[in-house]
Amino acid sequence: MIDRSAQQPSFAFVAASWGALLAGACAYLIGLWNSDMQLNERGYYFTVLAYGLYAAISLQKSVRDRVEGIPVTGIYYGLSWTSLILAILLLCVGLFNATLALSEKGFYAMAFVLGLFGAVAVQKNTRDIQAVRSAFPESNTTFEIQDSDSRV
């Protein structure tokens, strides 16, 4: 059986996860802001980003719940997968039909994927930190730094 003991993520991984989420989402949004697209096109790509981030977080949560034995209905689990696939498909179709340079299409695709990765990693870290706090309630801080004298 797999050991599922609570292990707190390192500060570096938490910071890198937030950095990936912010870098992906901000780059995507700055690209939209500076683009020559019509307003309805910008709205489409913004909605796809918001929908994709939500779908990725929802899927990560439902997968993690199932792994931890928390009941997740099949309908919700299926909708989570469908939503993420649909968000990615909507972005791909939108970029395929867009009159953008290939480099711009690649930029939006990579920023979108980086944002999704960051959202999943942040959600994972949040759950891991929550599990550590539940397992060790005496610890009030998220990250504790050991003093070199206190090591055995």
Protein backbone atom coordinates (compact mmCIF):
# COMPACT_ATOMS: atom_id res chain seq x y z
CA MET A 1 0.00 0.00 0.00
CA ILE A 2 1.16 3.53 -0.71
CA ASP A 3 2.16 5.69 2.26
CA ARG A 4 -0.01 8.80 2.19
CA SER A 5 1.51 10.59 5.17
CA ALA A 6 1.26 14.35 5.16
CA GLN A 7 4.35 16.00 3.70
CA GLN A 8 4.60 19.75 3.47
CA PRO A 9 5.82 21.17 0.16
CA SER A 10 9.02 23.17 0.24
CA PHE A 11 8.95 26.94 0.16
CA ALA A 12 10.77 26.86 -3.18
CA PHE A 13 8.09 24.66 -4.77
CA VAL A 14 5.27 26.80 -3.39
CA ALA A 15 6.96 29.96 -4.68
CA ALA A 16 7.67 28.37 -8.07
CA SER A 17 4.03 27.25 -8.33
CA TRP A 18 2.69 30.71 -7.60
CA GLY A 19 5.29 32.15 -9.97
CA ALA A 20 4.16 29.83 -12.77
CA LEU A 21 0.50 30.71 -12.20
CA LEU A 22 1.16 34.45 -12.11
CA ALA A 23 3.62 34.37 -15.03
CA GLY A 24 1.27 32.37 -17.24
CA ALA A 25 -1.91 34.27 -16.41
CA CYS A 26 -0.28 37.72 -16.43
CA ALA A 27 1.60 37.11 -19.69
CA TYR A 28 -1.61 35.89 -21.32
CA LEU A 29 -3.57 38.90 -20.05
CA ILE A 30 -0.87 41.40 -20.98
CA GLY A 31 -0.75 39.85 -24.43
CA LEU A 32 -4.51 40.29 -24.74
CA TRP A 33 -4.33 43.88 -23.52
CA ASN A 34 -1.65 44.80 -26.05
CA SER A 35 -3.17 42.92 -28.97
CA ASP A 36 -4.91 44.41 -31.97
CA MET A 37 -7.88 42.06 -31.58
CA GLN A 38 -11.46 43.22 -31.53
CA LEU A 39 -13.09 43.48 -28.13
CA ASN A 40 -15.24 40.38 -28.65
CA GLU A 41 -12.13 38.35 -29.53
CA ARG A 42 -10.37 39.55 -26.40
CA GLY A 43 -13.41 38.60 -24.36
CA TYR A 44 -13.40 35.13 -25.90
CA TYR A 45 -9.75 34.49 -25.02
CA PHE A 46 -10.18 35.95 -21.53
CA THR A 47 -13.17 33.68 -20.89
CA VAL A 48 -11.24 30.66 -22.17
CA LEU A 49 -8.41 31.45 -19.72
CA ALA A 50 -10.77 31.87 -16.75
CA TYR A 51 -12.68 28.71 -17.68
CA GLY A 52 -9.46 26.75 -18.16
CA LEU A 53 -8.01 27.79 -14.80
CA TYR A 54 -11.23 26.88 -13.01
CA ALA A 55 -11.49 23.55 -14.84
CA ALA A 56 -7.88 22.64 -14.00
CA ILE A 57 -8.37 23.42 -10.31
CA SER A 58 -11.67 21.53 -10.23
CA LEU A 59 -10.14 18.48 -11.89
CA GLN A 60 -7.12 18.48 -9.57
CA LYS A 61 -9.42 18.70 -6.56
CA SER A 62 -11.68 15.87 -7.71
CA VAL A 63 -8.71 13.62 -8.57
CA ARG A 64 -7.12 14.33 -5.19
CA ASP A 65 -10.41 13.73 -3.40
CA ARG A 66 -10.74 10.33 -5.06
CA VAL A 67 -7.15 9.40 -4.16
CA GLU A 68 -7.80 10.35 -0.53
CA GLY A 69 -11.05 8.38 -0.41
CA ILE A 70 -13.33 11.42 -0.30
CA PRO A 71 -16.47 10.67 -2.31
CA VAL A 72 -16.72 12.39 -5.68
CA THR A 73 -19.70 11.70 -7.90
CA GLY A 74 -19.01 10.28 -11.31
CA ILE A 75 -20.92 13.13 -12.91
CA TYR A 76 -18.73 15.78 -11.27
CA TYR A 77 -15.56 13.85 -12.06
CA GLY A 78 -16.62 13.49 -15.69
CA LEU A 79 -17.63 17.15 -15.93
CA SER A 80 -14.24 18.17 -14.55
CA TRP A 81 -12.43 16.23 -17.26
CA THR A 82 -14.85 17.45 -19.93
CA SER A 83 -14.43 21.07 -18.83
CA LEU A 84 -10.65 20.96 -18.98
CA ILE A 85 -10.63 19.24 -22.37
CA LEU A 86 -13.23 21.70 -23.66
CA ALA A 87 -11.23 24.72 -22.45
CA ILE A 88 -8.10 23.44 -24.19
CA LEU A 89 -10.10 22.63 -27.32
CA LEU A 90 -11.70 26.10 -27.34
CA LEU A 91 -8.27 27.71 -27.15
CA CYS A 92 -6.91 25.49 -29.94
CA VAL A 93 -9.85 26.19 -32.24
CA GLY A 94 -9.72 29.91 -31.48
CA LEU A 95 -6.00 30.11 -32.19
CA PHE A 96 -6.31 27.98 -35.33
CA ASN A 97 -8.92 30.35 -36.75
CA ALA A 98 -7.24 33.55 -35.52
CA THR A 99 -5.46 35.90 -37.89
CA LEU A 100 -2.41 36.09 -35.66
CA ALA A 101 1.23 35.44 -36.44
CA LEU A 102 2.38 31.92 -35.61
CA SER A 103 4.63 33.31 -32.87
CA GLU A 104 1.64 35.03 -31.23
CA LYS A 105 -0.40 31.84 -31.38
CA GLY A 106 2.46 29.98 -29.73
CA PHE A 107 2.76 32.68 -27.08
CA TYR A 108 -0.91 32.41 -26.10
CA ALA A 109 -0.78 28.60 -26.10
CA MET A 110 2.32 28.47 -23.89
CA ALA A 111 1.06 31.15 -21.49
CA PHE A 112 -2.23 29.23 -21.20
CA VAL A 113 -0.45 25.93 -20.47
CA LEU A 114 1.86 27.61 -17.94
CA GLY A 115 -1.15 29.13 -16.20
CA LEU A 116 -2.92 25.74 -16.06
CA PHE A 117 0.20 24.07 -14.66
CA GLY A 118 0.58 26.79 -12.05
CA ALA A 119 -3.07 26.53 -11.02
CA VAL A 120 -2.81 22.76 -10.55
CA ALA A 121 0.44 23.08 -8.60
CA VAL A 122 -0.96 25.83 -6.34
CA GLN A 123 -4.06 23.71 -5.64
CA LYS A 124 -1.85 20.69 -4.84
CA ASN A 125 0.30 22.76 -2.49
CA THR A 126 -2.79 24.16 -0.78
CA ARG A 127 -4.11 20.65 -0.14
CA ASP A 128 -0.70 19.41 1.06
CA ILE A 129 -0.32 22.31 3.49
CA GLN A 130 -3.89 21.77 4.72
CA ALA A 131 -3.14 18.07 5.27
CA VAL A 132 0.00 18.89 7.27
CA ARG A 133 -1.92 21.37 9.42
CA SER A 134 -4.61 18.75 10.07
CA ALA A 135 -2.04 16.09 10.93
CA PHE A 136 0.07 18.41 13.10
CA PRO A 137 -2.28 21.03 14.61
CA GLU A 138 0.41 22.30 17.01
CA SER A 139 2.24 23.86 14.07
CA ASN A 140 0.82 27.33 13.37
CA THR A 141 3.24 28.40 10.68
CA THR A 142 3.22 27.29 7.08
CA PHE A 143 6.97 27.05 6.74
CA GLU A 144 9.31 26.47 9.64
CA ILE A 145 13.05 26.97 9.35
CA GLN A 146 15.15 24.70 11.51
CA ASP A 147 18.06 26.22 13.34
CA SER A 148 21.38 24.48 12.66
CA ASP A 149 21.87 23.94 16.44
CA SER A 150 18.53 22.15 16.84
CA ARG A 151 19.34 19.39 14.33
CA VAL A 152 20.15 15.99 15.75
